[in-house]
Amino acid sequence: GADLDLSWPAVSGASGYSIEVFDLDTDATVACPAGLDCSPAAPSTTFSGGASSSTRFGFRVFAIDSCGDPSLN
């Protein structure tokens, strides 16, 4: 299937990022799907096969600070 490239602006001081995935139809958070790195170190990742999924996914990205804590917004 087709890949889906995700990217976002880098956050100064972030040690990495956490991606929260949710179903757009139900707004329910779902487990990180196969083919997606939900803890990338860089401000981008590729969701292998994500563009051909039958589920409509939404994504929320949180910066992770040097203590391992996520940003609040």
PDB file of N, CA and C in Angstrom:
ATOM      1  N   GLY A   1       0.815  -1.197   0.000  1.00  0.00           N
ATOM      2  CA  GLY A   1       0.000   0.000   0.000  1.00  0.00           C
ATOM      3  C   GLY A   1       0.850   1.248   0.000  1.00  0.00           C
ATOM      4  N   ALA A   2       0.216   2.351  -0.162  1.00  0.00           N
ATOM      5  CA  ALA A   2       0.909   3.634  -0.207  1.00  0.00           C
ATOM      6  C   ALA A   2       1.319   4.082   1.192  1.00  0.00           C
ATOM      7  N   ASP A   3       2.490   4.697   1.268  1.00  0.00           N
ATOM      8  CA  ASP A   3       2.986   5.211   2.540  1.00  0.00           C
ATOM      9  C   ASP A   3       2.436   6.608   2.802  1.00  0.00           C
ATOM     10  N   LEU A   4       2.412   6.985   4.064  1.00  0.00           N
ATOM     11  CA  LEU A   4       1.964   8.304   4.491  1.00  0.00           C
ATOM     12  C   LEU A   4       3.112   8.950   5.256  1.00  0.00           C
ATOM     13  N   ASP A   5       3.613  10.081   4.751  1.00  0.00           N
ATOM     14  CA  ASP A   5       4.695  10.801   5.417  1.00  0.00           C
ATOM     15  C   ASP A   5       4.113  11.821   6.381  1.00  0.00           C
ATOM     16  N   LEU A   6       4.576  11.798   7.618  1.00  0.00           N
ATOM     17  CA  LEU A   6       4.148  12.747   8.640  1.00  0.00           C
ATOM     18  C   LEU A   6       5.343  13.609   9.025  1.00  0.00           C
ATOM     19  N   SER A   7       5.127  14.908   9.146  1.00  0.00           N
ATOM     20  CA  SER A   7       6.187  15.796   9.623  1.00  0.00           C
ATOM     21  C   SER A   7       5.554  16.965  10.353  1.00  0.00           C
ATOM     22  N   TRP A   8       6.332  17.608  11.205  1.00  0.00           N
ATOM     23  CA  TRP A   8       5.857  18.724  12.013  1.00  0.00           C
ATOM     24  C   TRP A   8       7.059  19.586  12.351  1.00  0.00           C
ATOM     25  N   PRO A   9       6.825  20.825  12.789  1.00  0.00           N
ATOM     26  CA  PRO A   9       7.948  21.701  13.142  1.00  0.00           C
ATOM     27  C   PRO A   9       8.738  21.136  14.327  1.00  0.00           C
ATOM     28  N   ALA A  10      10.052  21.232  14.245  1.00  0.00           N
ATOM     29  CA  ALA A  10      10.905  20.784  15.342  1.00  0.00           C
ATOM     30  C   ALA A  10      10.686  21.668  16.564  1.00  0.00           C
ATOM     31  N   VAL A  11      10.802  21.073  17.739  1.00  0.00           N
ATOM     32  CA  VAL A  11      10.682  21.802  19.001  1.00  0.00           C
ATOM     33  C   VAL A  11      12.069  21.887  19.627  1.00  0.00           C
ATOM     34  N   SER A  12      12.521  23.098  19.895  1.00  0.00           N
ATOM     35  CA  SER A  12      13.831  23.316  20.496  1.00  0.00           C
ATOM     36  C   SER A  12      13.918  22.615  21.848  1.00  0.00           C
ATOM     37  N   GLY A  13      14.973  21.841  22.049  1.00  0.00           N
ATOM     38  CA  GLY A  13      15.179  21.150  23.314  1.00  0.00           C
ATOM     39  C   GLY A  13      14.493  19.806  23.428  1.00  0.00           C
ATOM     40  N   ALA A  14      13.709  19.426  22.439  1.00  0.00           N
ATOM     41  CA  ALA A  14      13.021  18.126  22.495  1.00  0.00           C
ATOM     42  C   ALA A  14      14.027  16.998  22.305  1.00  0.00           C
ATOM     43  N   SER A  15      13.882  15.946  23.101  1.00  0.00           N
ATOM     44  CA  SER A  15      14.740  14.774  22.939  1.00  0.00           C
ATOM     45  C   SER A  15      14.104  13.759  21.992  1.00  0.00           C
ATOM     46  N   GLY A  16      12.854  13.974  21.653  1.00  0.00           N
ATOM     47  CA  GLY A  16      12.118  13.098  20.747  1.00  0.00           C
ATOM     48  C   GLY A  16      10.663  13.511  20.740  1.00  0.00           C
ATOM     49  N   TYR A  17       9.835  12.674  20.150  1.00  0.00           N
ATOM     50  CA  TYR A  17       8.418  12.993  19.994  1.00  0.00           C
ATOM     51  C   TYR A  17       7.586  11.750  20.276  1.00  0.00           C
ATOM     52  N   SER A  18       6.346  11.958  20.655  1.00  0.00           N
ATOM     53  CA  SER A  18       5.400  10.869  20.874  1.00  0.00           C
ATOM     54  C   SER A  18       4.176  11.143  20.008  1.00  0.00           C
ATOM     55  N   ILE A  19       3.767  10.157  19.239  1.00  0.00           N
ATOM     56  CA  ILE A  19       2.609  10.307  18.364  1.00  0.00           C
ATOM     57  C   ILE A  19       1.437   9.536  18.956  1.00  0.00           C
ATOM     58  N   GLU A  20       0.355  10.254  19.221  1.00  0.00           N
ATOM     59  CA  GLU A  20      -0.895   9.643  19.668  1.00  0.00           C
ATOM     60  C   GLU A  20      -1.763   9.452  18.427  1.00  0.00           C
ATOM     61  N   VAL A  21      -2.290   8.266  18.248  1.00  0.00           N
ATOM     62  CA  VAL A  21      -3.091   7.941  17.068  1.00  0.00           C
ATOM     63  C   VAL A  21      -4.536   7.758  17.499  1.00  0.00           C
ATOM     64  N   PHE A  22      -5.459   8.324  16.720  1.00  0.00           N
ATOM     65  CA  PHE A  22      -6.870   8.152  17.042  1.00  0.00           C
ATOM     66  C   PHE A  22      -7.677   7.917  15.777  1.00  0.00           C
ATOM     67  N   ASP A  23      -8.829   7.289  15.951  1.00  0.00           N
ATOM     68  CA  ASP A  23      -9.765   7.006  14.864  1.00  0.00           C
ATOM     69  C   ASP A  23     -10.582   8.274  14.629  1.00  0.00           C
ATOM     70  N   LEU A  24     -10.503   8.836  13.434  1.00  0.00           N
ATOM     71  CA  LEU A  24     -11.216  10.083  13.139  1.00  0.00           C
ATOM     72  C   LEU A  24     -12.728   9.939  13.230  1.00  0.00           C
ATOM     73  N   ASP A  25     -13.253   8.749  13.005  1.00  0.00           N
ATOM     74  CA  ASP A  25     -14.701   8.557  13.033  1.00  0.00           C
ATOM     75  C   ASP A  25     -15.254   8.492  14.458  1.00  0.00           C
ATOM     76  N   THR A  26     -14.455   7.970  15.397  1.00  0.00           N
ATOM     77  CA  THR A  26     -14.935   7.809  16.772  1.00  0.00           C
ATOM     78  C   THR A  26     -14.202   8.702  17.770  1.00  0.00           C
ATOM     79  N   ASP A  27     -13.098   9.297  17.355  1.00  0.00           N
ATOM     80  CA  ASP A  27     -12.206  10.106  18.199  1.00  0.00           C
ATOM     81  C   ASP A  27     -11.576   9.274  19.313  1.00  0.00           C
ATOM     82  N   ALA A  28     -11.645   7.951  19.199  1.00  0.00           N
ATOM     83  CA  ALA A  28     -11.053   7.065  20.201  1.00  0.00           C
ATOM     84  C   ALA A  28      -9.563   6.867  19.911  1.00  0.00           C
ATOM     85  N   THR A  29      -8.753   6.946  20.960  1.00  0.00           N
ATOM     86  CA  THR A  29      -7.331   6.670  20.825  1.00  0.00           C
ATOM     87  C   THR A  29      -7.156   5.188  20.506  1.00  0.00           C
ATOM     88  N   VAL A  30      -6.249   4.884  19.590  1.00  0.00           N
ATOM     89  CA  VAL A  30      -5.983   3.499  19.204  1.00  0.00           C
ATOM     90  C   VAL A  30      -4.507   3.193  19.435  1.00  0.00           C
ATOM     91  N   ALA A  31      -4.189   1.914  19.520  1.00  0.00           N
ATOM     92  CA  ALA A  31      -2.802   1.490  19.668  1.00  0.00           C
ATOM     93  C   ALA A  31      -2.009   1.908  18.435  1.00  0.00           C
ATOM     94  N   CYS A  32      -0.731   2.122  18.623  1.00  0.00           N
ATOM     95  CA  CYS A  32       0.131   2.500  17.504  1.00  0.00           C
ATOM     96  C   CYS A  32       0.052   1.416  16.430  1.00  0.00           C
ATOM     97  N   PRO A  33      -0.392   1.788  15.219  1.00  0.00           N
ATOM     98  CA  PRO A  33      -0.549   0.775  14.170  1.00  0.00           C
ATOM     99  C   PRO A  33       0.790   0.236  13.667  1.00  0.00           C
ATOM    100  N   ALA A  34       0.775  -0.996  13.191  1.00  0.00           N
ATOM    101  CA  ALA A  34       1.958  -1.580  12.569  1.00  0.00           C
ATOM    102  C   ALA A  34       2.382  -0.692  11.405  1.00  0.00           C
ATOM    103  N   GLY A  35       3.671  -0.504  11.255  1.00  0.00           N
ATOM    104  CA  GLY A  35       4.186   0.313  10.159  1.00  0.00           C
ATOM    105  C   GLY A  35       4.423   1.763  10.534  1.00  0.00           C
ATOM    106  N   LEU A  36       4.112   2.146  11.793  1.00  0.00           N
ATOM    107  CA  LEU A  36       4.312   3.525  12.244  1.00  0.00           C
ATOM    108  C   LEU A  36       5.181   3.537  13.494  1.00  0.00           C
ATOM    109  N   ASP A  37       6.237   4.351  13.483  1.00  0.00           N
ATOM    110  CA  ASP A  37       7.067   4.565  14.667  1.00  0.00           C
ATOM    111  C   ASP A  37       6.406   5.669  15.480  1.00  0.00           C
ATOM    112  N   CYS A  38       5.798   5.334  16.599  1.00  0.00           N
ATOM    113  CA  CYS A  38       5.077   6.318  17.416  1.00  0.00           C
ATOM    114  C   CYS A  38       5.981   7.038  18.408  1.00  0.00           C
ATOM    115  N   SER A  39       7.287   6.773  18.357  1.00  0.00           N
ATOM    116  CA  SER A  39       8.249   7.457  19.228  1.00  0.00           C
ATOM    117  C   SER A  39       9.481   7.881  18.435  1.00  0.00           C
ATOM    118  N   PRO A  40       9.301   8.664  17.370  1.00  0.00           N
ATOM    119  CA  PRO A  40      10.460   9.036  16.551  1.00  0.00           C
ATOM    120  C   PRO A  40      11.350  10.055  17.260  1.00  0.00           C
ATOM    121  N   ALA A  41      12.646  10.011  16.972  1.00  0.00           N
ATOM    122  CA  ALA A  41      13.585  10.985  17.525  1.00  0.00           C
ATOM    123  C   ALA A  41      13.545  12.290  16.734  1.00  0.00           C
ATOM    124  N   ALA A  42      13.265  12.204  15.451  1.00  0.00           N
ATOM    125  CA  ALA A  42      13.235  13.370  14.559  1.00  0.00           C
ATOM    126  C   ALA A  42      11.793  13.834  14.354  1.00  0.00           C
ATOM    127  N   PRO A  43      11.597  15.084  13.887  1.00  0.00           N
ATOM    128  CA  PRO A  43      10.239  15.606  13.690  1.00  0.00           C
ATOM    129  C   PRO A  43       9.592  15.146  12.380  1.00  0.00           C
ATOM    130  N   SER A  44       9.738  13.865  12.091  1.00  0.00           N
ATOM    131  CA  SER A  44       9.079  13.285  10.916  1.00  0.00           C
ATOM    132  C   SER A  44       9.137  11.770  11.024  1.00  0.00           C
ATOM    133  N   THR A  45       8.221  11.113  10.337  1.00  0.00           N
ATOM    134  CA  THR A  45       8.212   9.656  10.276  1.00  0.00           C
ATOM    135  C   THR A  45       7.356   9.238   9.089  1.00  0.00           C
ATOM    136  N   THR A  46       7.475   7.995   8.687  1.00  0.00           N
ATOM    137  CA  THR A  46       6.673   7.454   7.596  1.00  0.00           C
ATOM    138  C   THR A  46       5.804   6.327   8.132  1.00  0.00           C
ATOM    139  N   PHE A  47       4.529   6.377   7.808  1.00  0.00           N
ATOM    140  CA  PHE A  47       3.560   5.342   8.182  1.00  0.00           C
ATOM    141  C   PHE A  47       3.461   4.409   6.985  1.00  0.00           C
ATOM    142  N   SER A  48       4.191   3.306   7.019  1.00  0.00           N
ATOM    143  CA  SER A  48       4.219   2.358   5.904  1.00  0.00           C
ATOM    144  C   SER A  48       2.844   1.752   5.687  1.00  0.00           C
ATOM    145  N   GLY A  49       2.272   1.964   4.513  1.00  0.00           N
ATOM    146  CA  GLY A  49       0.961   1.437   4.175  1.00  0.00           C
ATOM    147  C   GLY A  49      -0.189   2.244   4.738  1.00  0.00           C
ATOM    148  N   GLY A  50       0.099   3.323   5.447  1.00  0.00           N
ATOM    149  CA  GLY A  50      -0.935   4.097   6.125  1.00  0.00           C
ATOM    150  C   GLY A  50      -1.936   4.773   5.212  1.00  0.00           C
ATOM    151  N   ALA A  51      -1.513   5.132   4.003  1.00  0.00           N
ATOM    152  CA  ALA A  51      -2.420   5.829   3.089  1.00  0.00           C
ATOM    153  C   ALA A  51      -3.464   4.896   2.501  1.00  0.00           C
ATOM    154  N   SER A  52      -3.255   3.584   2.614  1.00  0.00           N
ATOM    155  CA  SER A  52      -4.217   2.641   2.051  1.00  0.00           C
ATOM    156  C   SER A  52      -5.059   1.954   3.131  1.00  0.00           C
ATOM    157  N   SER A  53      -4.928   2.398   4.377  1.00  0.00           N
ATOM    158  CA  SER A  53      -5.700   1.807   5.472  1.00  0.00           C
ATOM    159  C   SER A  53      -7.176   2.138   5.324  1.00  0.00           C
ATOM    160  N   SER A  54      -8.039   1.219   5.747  1.00  0.00           N
ATOM    161  CA  SER A  54      -9.483   1.480   5.694  1.00  0.00           C
ATOM    162  C   SER A  54      -9.936   2.351   6.866  1.00  0.00           C
ATOM    163  N   THR A  55      -9.106   2.476   7.900  1.00  0.00           N
ATOM    164  CA  THR A  55      -9.413   3.340   9.040  1.00  0.00           C
ATOM    165  C   THR A  55      -8.891   4.745   8.768  1.00  0.00           C
ATOM    166  N   ARG A  56      -9.697   5.750   9.108  1.00  0.00           N
ATOM    167  CA  ARG A  56      -9.259   7.144   8.960  1.00  0.00           C
ATOM    168  C   ARG A  56      -8.592   7.557  10.267  1.00  0.00           C
ATOM    169  N   PHE A  57      -7.270   7.682  10.230  1.00  0.00           N
ATOM    170  CA  PHE A  57      -6.497   8.010  11.420  1.00  0.00           C
ATOM    171  C   PHE A  57      -6.277   9.509  11.547  1.00  0.00           C
ATOM    172  N   GLY A  58      -6.239   9.976  12.791  1.00  0.00           N
ATOM    173  CA  GLY A  58      -5.776  11.317  13.128  1.00  0.00           C
ATOM    174  C   GLY A  58      -4.543  11.159  14.001  1.00  0.00           C
ATOM    175  N   PHE A  59      -3.731  12.190  14.063  1.00  0.00           N
ATOM    176  CA  PHE A  59      -2.476  12.114  14.804  1.00  0.00           C
ATOM    177  C   PHE A  59      -2.295  13.355  15.668  1.00  0.00           C
ATOM    178  N   ARG A  60      -1.846  13.159  16.895  1.00  0.00           N
ATOM    179  CA  ARG A  60      -1.445  14.255  17.778  1.00  0.00           C
ATOM    180  C   ARG A  60       0.013  13.995  18.141  1.00  0.00           C
ATOM    181  N   VAL A  61       0.833  15.017  18.010  1.00  0.00           N
ATOM    182  CA  VAL A  61       2.263  14.863  18.279  1.00  0.00           C
ATOM    183  C   VAL A  61       2.637  15.671  19.514  1.00  0.00           C
ATOM    184  N   PHE A  62       3.380  15.049  20.398  1.00  0.00           N
ATOM    185  CA  PHE A  62       3.861  15.697  21.614  1.00  0.00           C
ATOM    186  C   PHE A  62       5.384  15.664  21.615  1.00  0.00           C
ATOM    187  N   ALA A  63       6.009  16.780  21.959  1.00  0.00           N
ATOM    188  CA  ALA A  63       7.461  16.812  22.131  1.00  0.00           C
ATOM    189  C   ALA A  63       7.793  16.161  23.472  1.00  0.00           C
ATOM    190  N   ILE A  64       8.902  15.449  23.520  1.00  0.00           N
ATOM    191  CA  ILE A  64       9.367  14.811  24.747  1.00  0.00           C
ATOM    192  C   ILE A  64      10.596  15.578  25.231  1.00  0.00           C
ATOM    193  N   ASP A  65      10.587  16.001  26.505  1.00  0.00           N
ATOM    194  CA  ASP A  65      11.721  16.773  27.016  1.00  0.00           C
ATOM    195  C   ASP A  65      12.837  15.844  27.494  1.00  0.00           C
ATOM    196  N   SER A  66      13.926  16.433  27.972  1.00  0.00           N
ATOM    197  CA  SER A  66      15.102  15.652  28.365  1.00  0.00           C
ATOM    198  C   SER A  66      14.837  14.720  29.549  1.00  0.00           C
ATOM    199  N   CYS A  67      13.768  14.969  30.307  1.00  0.00           N
ATOM    200  CA  CYS A  67      13.391  14.087  31.424  1.00  0.00           C
ATOM    201  C   CYS A  67      12.457  12.961  30.978  1.00  0.00           C
ATOM    202  N   GLY A  68      12.059  12.979  29.696  1.00  0.00           N
ATOM    203  CA  GLY A  68      11.159  11.956  29.182  1.00  0.00           C
ATOM    204  C   GLY A  68       9.693  12.288  29.317  1.00  0.00           C
ATOM    205  N   ASP A  69       9.395  13.538  29.705  1.00  0.00           N
ATOM    206  CA  ASP A  69       7.999  13.955  29.881  1.00  0.00           C
ATOM    207  C   ASP A  69       7.452  14.581  28.604  1.00  0.00           C
ATOM    208  N   PRO A  70       6.180  14.315  28.264  1.00  0.00           N
ATOM    209  CA  PRO A  70       5.581  14.916  27.061  1.00  0.00           C
ATOM    210  C   PRO A  70       5.171  16.363  27.302  1.00  0.00           C
ATOM    211  N   SER A  71       5.125  17.125  26.204  1.00  0.00           N
ATOM    212  CA  SER A  71       4.611  18.492  26.282  1.00  0.00           C
ATOM    213  C   SER A  71       3.124  18.435  26.590  1.00  0.00           C
ATOM    214  N   LEU A  72       2.584  19.505  27.097  1.00  0.00           N
ATOM    215  CA  LEU A  72       1.165  19.530  27.455  1.00  0.00           C
ATOM    216  C   LEU A  72       0.291  20.040  26.329  1.00  0.00           C
ATOM    217  N   ASN A  73       0.879  20.573  25.259  1.00  0.00           N
ATOM    218  CA  ASN A  73       0.051  21.073  24.156  1.00  0.00           C
ATOM    219  C   ASN A  73       0.599  20.665  22.825  1.00  0.00           C
TER     220      ASN A  73
END
